[in-house]
Amino acid sequence: MTTIDSGVRQRTRRAILEAAATLWARDFSASLGDIADRAEVSRSTLHRYFPERQALVDALLLDSQAQVETAWDAAVAASSTPIETVENIMTAIVDLADQILFLFSDPARFAGNPNWRDDEDEALPDLIRAAQRDGDLDPAIDPAFVIGVMYSLIYVTAESVSTGALPRHKATETLVRVFRHGLSPRA
């Protein structure tokens, strides 16, 4: 019986976190009642899992960061060349559009929160330099600038998917194409 209970508890917790990510990606002022409605649970059920708003914010912060890290690691593991790794990272992360918007739409949102990690993958500049050496990225562009463009495109793509301006099924192709070839029309 405990396994069934824990499975139900995990699904309920996941539903609440997903509802919070969806709503707070678009409007951080969305209420716990709105989140409970979206998760299809009662407000008292939500409060059993997360007694106060900050507890849910912290849980979603940790969960979102973990999802991004897991997607990043899987993308790296599935890649064989530097440029493929960069493209796979962008593709994997943009699939987490709600989490990306929740994490990065307000730079001050998590200031002072001990759960916030703003550490960057230390291997990313080396990865960019390797793609430059392979001739896949312009070596005249500073790797820090390339990384900034990469993160900016991920964010804009996530936002475009969230608002419906870009269909989810077109997001990956558009993101990679713009990263690799800019905004020029296709040849």
C-alpha atoms as a PDB file:
ATOM      1  CA  MET A   1       0.000   0.000   0.000  1.00  0.00           C
ATOM      2  CA  THR A   2       2.877   2.393   0.713  1.00  0.00           C
ATOM      3  CA  THR A   3       4.219   2.032  -2.832  1.00  0.00           C
ATOM      4  CA  ILE A   4       0.836   2.961  -4.278  1.00  0.00           C
ATOM      5  CA  ASP A   5       0.587   5.936  -1.926  1.00  0.00           C
ATOM      6  CA  SER A   6       4.082   7.108  -2.802  1.00  0.00           C
ATOM      7  CA  GLY A   7       3.315   6.760  -6.531  1.00  0.00           C
ATOM      8  CA  VAL A   8       0.173   8.852  -6.154  1.00  0.00           C
ATOM      9  CA  ARG A   9       2.059  11.372  -4.024  1.00  0.00           C
ATOM     10  CA  GLN A  10       4.806  11.645  -6.651  1.00  0.00           C
ATOM     11  CA  ARG A  11       2.272  12.139  -9.465  1.00  0.00           C
ATOM     12  CA  THR A  12       0.398  14.769  -7.442  1.00  0.00           C
ATOM     13  CA  ARG A  13       3.619  16.599  -6.576  1.00  0.00           C
ATOM     14  CA  ARG A  14       4.706  16.460 -10.248  1.00  0.00           C
ATOM     15  CA  ALA A  15       1.310  17.805 -11.383  1.00  0.00           C
ATOM     16  CA  ILE A  16       1.601  20.736  -8.964  1.00  0.00           C
ATOM     17  CA  LEU A  17       5.172  21.523 -10.078  1.00  0.00           C
ATOM     18  CA  GLU A  18       4.212  21.342 -13.762  1.00  0.00           C
ATOM     19  CA  ALA A  19       1.197  23.586 -13.192  1.00  0.00           C
ATOM     20  CA  ALA A  20       3.348  26.093 -11.296  1.00  0.00           C
ATOM     21  CA  ALA A  21       5.966  26.075 -14.070  1.00  0.00           C
ATOM     22  CA  THR A  22       3.324  26.646 -16.749  1.00  0.00           C
ATOM     23  CA  LEU A  23       1.618  29.491 -14.901  1.00  0.00           C
ATOM     24  CA  TRP A  24       4.681  31.171 -13.386  1.00  0.00           C
ATOM     25  CA  ALA A  25       6.505  31.061 -16.722  1.00  0.00           C
ATOM     26  CA  ARG A  26       3.873  33.494 -17.968  1.00  0.00           C
ATOM     27  CA  ASP A  27       2.826  35.320 -14.784  1.00  0.00           C
ATOM     28  CA  PHE A  28       4.793  35.001 -11.561  1.00  0.00           C
ATOM     29  CA  SER A  29       1.937  36.626  -9.673  1.00  0.00           C
ATOM     30  CA  ALA A  30      -0.377  33.670 -10.422  1.00  0.00           C
ATOM     31  CA  SER A  31      -1.915  32.502  -7.163  1.00  0.00           C
ATOM     32  CA  LEU A  32      -1.640  29.143  -5.444  1.00  0.00           C
ATOM     33  CA  GLY A  33      -5.349  28.749  -6.141  1.00  0.00           C
ATOM     34  CA  ASP A  34      -4.680  29.160  -9.873  1.00  0.00           C
ATOM     35  CA  ILE A  35      -1.918  26.567  -9.627  1.00  0.00           C
ATOM     36  CA  ALA A  36      -4.166  24.140  -7.728  1.00  0.00           C
ATOM     37  CA  ASP A  37      -6.845  24.561 -10.412  1.00  0.00           C
ATOM     38  CA  ARG A  38      -4.317  23.980 -13.198  1.00  0.00           C
ATOM     39  CA  ALA A  39      -2.967  20.883 -11.408  1.00  0.00           C
ATOM     40  CA  GLU A  40      -6.542  19.675 -10.852  1.00  0.00           C
ATOM     41  CA  VAL A  41      -6.058  19.370  -7.090  1.00  0.00           C
ATOM     42  CA  SER A  42      -7.746  21.134  -4.217  1.00  0.00           C
ATOM     43  CA  ARG A  43      -6.035  24.064  -2.607  1.00  0.00           C
ATOM     44  CA  SER A  44      -5.771  22.072   0.640  1.00  0.00           C
ATOM     45  CA  THR A  45      -3.978  19.299  -1.267  1.00  0.00           C
ATOM     46  CA  LEU A  46      -1.538  21.835  -2.698  1.00  0.00           C
ATOM     47  CA  HIS A  47      -0.900  23.173   0.818  1.00  0.00           C
ATOM     48  CA  ARG A  48      -0.203  19.653   2.121  1.00  0.00           C
ATOM     49  CA  TYR A  49       2.649  19.439  -0.388  1.00  0.00           C
ATOM     50  CA  PHE A  50       3.726  23.066  -0.235  1.00  0.00           C
ATOM     51  CA  PRO A  51       2.542  24.854   2.940  1.00  0.00           C
ATOM     52  CA  GLU A  52       3.387  28.306   1.579  1.00  0.00           C
ATOM     53  CA  ARG A  53       4.163  29.997  -1.714  1.00  0.00           C
ATOM     54  CA  GLN A  54       7.913  30.175  -1.012  1.00  0.00           C
ATOM     55  CA  ALA A  55       8.059  26.415  -0.454  1.00  0.00           C
ATOM     56  CA  LEU A  56       6.580  25.897  -3.930  1.00  0.00           C
ATOM     57  CA  VAL A  57       8.893  28.512  -5.467  1.00  0.00           C
ATOM     58  CA  ASP A  58      11.913  26.766  -3.932  1.00  0.00           C
ATOM     59  CA  ALA A  59      10.737  23.319  -5.005  1.00  0.00           C
ATOM     60  CA  LEU A  60      10.115  24.516  -8.559  1.00  0.00           C
ATOM     61  CA  LEU A  61      13.469  26.294  -8.627  1.00  0.00           C
ATOM     62  CA  LEU A  62      15.297  23.111  -7.612  1.00  0.00           C
ATOM     63  CA  ASP A  63      13.196  20.958  -9.945  1.00  0.00           C
ATOM     64  CA  SER A  64      13.670  23.273 -12.937  1.00  0.00           C
ATOM     65  CA  GLN A  65      17.423  23.483 -12.412  1.00  0.00           C
ATOM     66  CA  ALA A  66      17.602  19.685 -12.121  1.00  0.00           C
ATOM     67  CA  GLN A  67      15.584  19.231 -15.332  1.00  0.00           C
ATOM     68  CA  VAL A  68      17.871  21.617 -17.235  1.00  0.00           C
ATOM     69  CA  GLU A  69      20.962  19.859 -15.880  1.00  0.00           C
ATOM     70  CA  THR A  70      19.597  16.413 -16.781  1.00  0.00           C
ATOM     71  CA  ALA A  71      18.669  17.549 -20.303  1.00  0.00           C
ATOM     72  CA  TRP A  72      22.084  19.192 -20.727  1.00  0.00           C
ATOM     73  CA  ASP A  73      23.954  16.064 -19.604  1.00  0.00           C
ATOM     74  CA  ALA A  74      21.871  13.799 -21.847  1.00  0.00           C
ATOM     75  CA  ALA A  75      22.494  16.104 -24.824  1.00  0.00           C
ATOM     76  CA  VAL A  76      26.232  16.026 -24.223  1.00  0.00           C
ATOM     77  CA  ALA A  77      26.226  12.233 -23.861  1.00  0.00           C
ATOM     78  CA  ALA A  78      24.311  11.803 -27.137  1.00  0.00           C
ATOM     79  CA  SER A  79      26.719  13.941 -29.170  1.00  0.00           C
ATOM     80  CA  SER A  80      29.853  13.119 -31.103  1.00  0.00           C
ATOM     81  CA  THR A  81      31.115  16.473 -32.402  1.00  0.00           C
ATOM     82  CA  PRO A  82      31.385  19.892 -30.759  1.00  0.00           C
ATOM     83  CA  ILE A  83      28.758  21.528 -32.986  1.00  0.00           C
ATOM     84  CA  GLU A  84      26.403  18.593 -32.546  1.00  0.00           C
ATOM     85  CA  THR A  85      26.844  18.948 -28.791  1.00  0.00           C
ATOM     86  CA  VAL A  86      25.991  22.659 -28.910  1.00  0.00           C
ATOM     87  CA  GLU A  87      22.935  22.007 -31.072  1.00  0.00           C
ATOM     88  CA  ASN A  88      21.777  19.101 -28.908  1.00  0.00           C
ATOM     89  CA  ILE A  89      22.134  21.202 -25.755  1.00  0.00           C
ATOM     90  CA  MET A  90      20.042  23.999 -27.258  1.00  0.00           C
ATOM     91  CA  THR A  91      17.431  21.536 -28.509  1.00  0.00           C
ATOM     92  CA  ALA A  92      17.164  19.728 -25.174  1.00  0.00           C
ATOM     93  CA  ILE A  93      16.902  22.887 -23.134  1.00  0.00           C
ATOM     94  CA  VAL A  94      14.358  24.660 -25.335  1.00  0.00           C
ATOM     95  CA  ASP A  95      12.078  21.658 -24.815  1.00  0.00           C
ATOM     96  CA  LEU A  96      11.892  22.882 -21.195  1.00  0.00           C
ATOM     97  CA  ALA A  97      10.338  26.194 -22.258  1.00  0.00           C
ATOM     98  CA  ASP A  98       8.268  26.740 -19.105  1.00  0.00           C
ATOM     99  CA  GLN A  99      11.210  25.982 -16.838  1.00  0.00           C
ATOM    100  CA  ILE A 100      13.500  28.297 -18.837  1.00  0.00           C
ATOM    101  CA  LEU A 101      11.018  31.167 -18.632  1.00  0.00           C
ATOM    102  CA  PHE A 102      10.423  30.544 -14.918  1.00  0.00           C
ATOM    103  CA  LEU A 103      14.163  30.527 -14.232  1.00  0.00           C
ATOM    104  CA  PHE A 104      15.305  33.383 -16.433  1.00  0.00           C
ATOM    105  CA  SER A 105      12.448  35.816 -17.140  1.00  0.00           C
ATOM    106  CA  ASP A 106      13.321  37.982 -14.135  1.00  0.00           C
ATOM    107  CA  PRO A 107      17.026  38.200 -13.302  1.00  0.00           C
ATOM    108  CA  ALA A 108      16.294  39.457  -9.774  1.00  0.00           C
ATOM    109  CA  ARG A 109      13.605  36.886  -8.956  1.00  0.00           C
ATOM    110  CA  PHE A 110      15.960  34.538  -7.118  1.00  0.00           C
ATOM    111  CA  ALA A 111      18.434  37.061  -5.726  1.00  0.00           C
ATOM    112  CA  GLY A 112      19.373  35.912  -2.251  1.00  0.00           C
ATOM    113  CA  ASN A 113      17.645  32.536  -2.621  1.00  0.00           C
ATOM    114  CA  PRO A 114      20.113  29.904  -1.366  1.00  0.00           C
ATOM    115  CA  ASN A 115      18.722  27.395  -3.887  1.00  0.00           C
ATOM    116  CA  TRP A 116      19.621  29.546  -6.902  1.00  0.00           C
ATOM    117  CA  ARG A 117      22.630  28.338  -8.872  1.00  0.00           C
ATOM    118  CA  ASP A 118      23.894  30.619 -11.574  1.00  0.00           C
ATOM    119  CA  ASP A 119      27.005  28.591 -12.239  1.00  0.00           C
ATOM    120  CA  GLU A 120      27.758  28.024 -15.869  1.00  0.00           C
ATOM    121  CA  ASP A 121      29.093  24.874 -17.421  1.00  0.00           C
ATOM    122  CA  GLU A 122      32.834  25.453 -17.366  1.00  0.00           C
ATOM    123  CA  ALA A 123      33.296  23.210 -20.414  1.00  0.00           C
ATOM    124  CA  LEU A 124      31.058  25.353 -22.643  1.00  0.00           C
ATOM    125  CA  PRO A 125      33.737  27.891 -23.741  1.00  0.00           C
ATOM    126  CA  ASP A 126      36.044  24.974 -24.638  1.00  0.00           C
ATOM    127  CA  LEU A 127      33.207  23.353 -26.567  1.00  0.00           C
ATOM    128  CA  ILE A 128      32.626  26.576 -28.518  1.00  0.00           C
ATOM    129  CA  ARG A 129      36.370  26.888 -29.251  1.00  0.00           C
ATOM    130  CA  ALA A 130      36.406  23.268 -30.487  1.00  0.00           C
ATOM    131  CA  ALA A 131      33.481  24.011 -32.838  1.00  0.00           C
ATOM    132  CA  GLN A 132      35.398  27.068 -34.035  1.00  0.00           C
ATOM    133  CA  ARG A 133      38.540  24.966 -34.685  1.00  0.00           C
ATOM    134  CA  ASP A 134      36.399  22.475 -36.633  1.00  0.00           C
ATOM    135  CA  GLY A 135      35.181  25.317 -38.870  1.00  0.00           C
ATOM    136  CA  ASP A 136      31.558  25.072 -37.704  1.00  0.00           C
ATOM    137  CA  LEU A 137      31.543  28.425 -35.880  1.00  0.00           C
ATOM    138  CA  ASP A 138      33.366  31.632 -36.779  1.00  0.00           C
ATOM    139  CA  PRO A 139      36.676  31.672 -34.885  1.00  0.00           C
ATOM    140  CA  ALA A 140      36.770  35.486 -34.970  1.00  0.00           C
ATOM    141  CA  ILE A 141      33.833  35.674 -32.559  1.00  0.00           C
ATOM    142  CA  ASP A 142      34.663  35.501 -28.857  1.00  0.00           C
ATOM    143  CA  PRO A 143      33.293  32.307 -27.240  1.00  0.00           C
ATOM    144  CA  ALA A 144      31.597  34.368 -24.512  1.00  0.00           C
ATOM    145  CA  PHE A 145      29.635  36.212 -27.205  1.00  0.00           C
ATOM    146  CA  VAL A 146      28.673  32.908 -28.875  1.00  0.00           C
ATOM    147  CA  ILE A 147      27.459  31.592 -25.511  1.00  0.00           C
ATOM    148  CA  GLY A 148      25.421  34.769 -24.986  1.00  0.00           C
ATOM    149  CA  VAL A 149      23.827  34.348 -28.412  1.00  0.00           C
ATOM    150  CA  MET A 150      23.146  30.689 -27.649  1.00  0.00           C
ATOM    151  CA  TYR A 151      21.392  31.487 -24.355  1.00  0.00           C
ATOM    152  CA  SER A 152      19.502  34.407 -25.887  1.00  0.00           C
ATOM    153  CA  LEU A 153      18.187  32.247 -28.708  1.00  0.00           C
ATOM    154  CA  ILE A 154      17.135  29.536 -26.266  1.00  0.00           C
ATOM    155  CA  TYR A 155      15.209  32.107 -24.226  1.00  0.00           C
ATOM    156  CA  VAL A 156      13.564  33.794 -27.231  1.00  0.00           C
ATOM    157  CA  THR A 157      12.594  30.419 -28.665  1.00  0.00           C
ATOM    158  CA  ALA A 158      11.116  29.290 -25.328  1.00  0.00           C
ATOM    159  CA  GLU A 159       9.187  32.565 -25.075  1.00  0.00           C
ATOM    160  CA  SER A 160       7.928  32.258 -28.653  1.00  0.00           C
ATOM    161  CA  VAL A 161       6.715  28.716 -27.989  1.00  0.00           C
ATOM    162  CA  SER A 162       5.073  29.850 -24.752  1.00  0.00           C
ATOM    163  CA  THR A 163       3.151  32.675 -26.420  1.00  0.00           C
ATOM    164  CA  GLY A 164       2.188  30.569 -29.420  1.00  0.00           C
ATOM    165  CA  ALA A 165       4.204  32.711 -31.846  1.00  0.00           C
ATOM    166  CA  LEU A 166       6.265  29.646 -32.770  1.00  0.00           C
ATOM    167  CA  PRO A 167       4.747  26.156 -32.923  1.00  0.00           C
ATOM    168  CA  ARG A 168       6.577  23.723 -30.620  1.00  0.00           C
ATOM    169  CA  HIS A 169       7.243  21.347 -33.531  1.00  0.00           C
ATOM    170  CA  LYS A 170       9.112  24.156 -35.366  1.00  0.00           C
ATOM    171  CA  ALA A 171      11.076  25.402 -32.342  1.00  0.00           C
ATOM    172  CA  THR A 172      14.108  23.143 -32.584  1.00  0.00           C
ATOM    173  CA  GLU A 173      14.636  23.570 -36.302  1.00  0.00           C
ATOM    174  CA  THR A 174      14.196  27.342 -36.075  1.00  0.00           C
ATOM    175  CA  LEU A 175      16.528  27.656 -33.092  1.00  0.00           C
ATOM    176  CA  VAL A 176      19.348  25.666 -34.695  1.00  0.00           C
ATOM    177  CA  ARG A 177      18.910  27.317 -38.091  1.00  0.00           C
ATOM    178  CA  VAL A 178      19.093  30.831 -36.651  1.00  0.00           C
ATOM    179  CA  PHE A 179      22.067  29.892 -34.469  1.00  0.00           C
ATOM    180  CA  ARG A 180      23.949  28.414 -37.432  1.00  0.00           C
ATOM    181  CA  HIS A 181      22.899  30.799 -40.201  1.00  0.00           C
ATOM    182  CA  GLY A 182      21.445  33.949 -38.657  1.00  0.00           C
ATOM    183  CA  LEU A 183      18.282  35.491 -39.969  1.00  0.00           C
ATOM    184  CA  SER A 184      19.205  35.432 -43.663  1.00  0.00           C
ATOM    185  CA  PRO A 185      16.726  33.662 -45.925  1.00  0.00           C
ATOM    186  CA  ARG A 186      17.575  30.091 -46.817  1.00  0.00           C
ATOM    187  CA  ALA A 187      19.578  29.604 -49.988  1.00  0.00           C
END
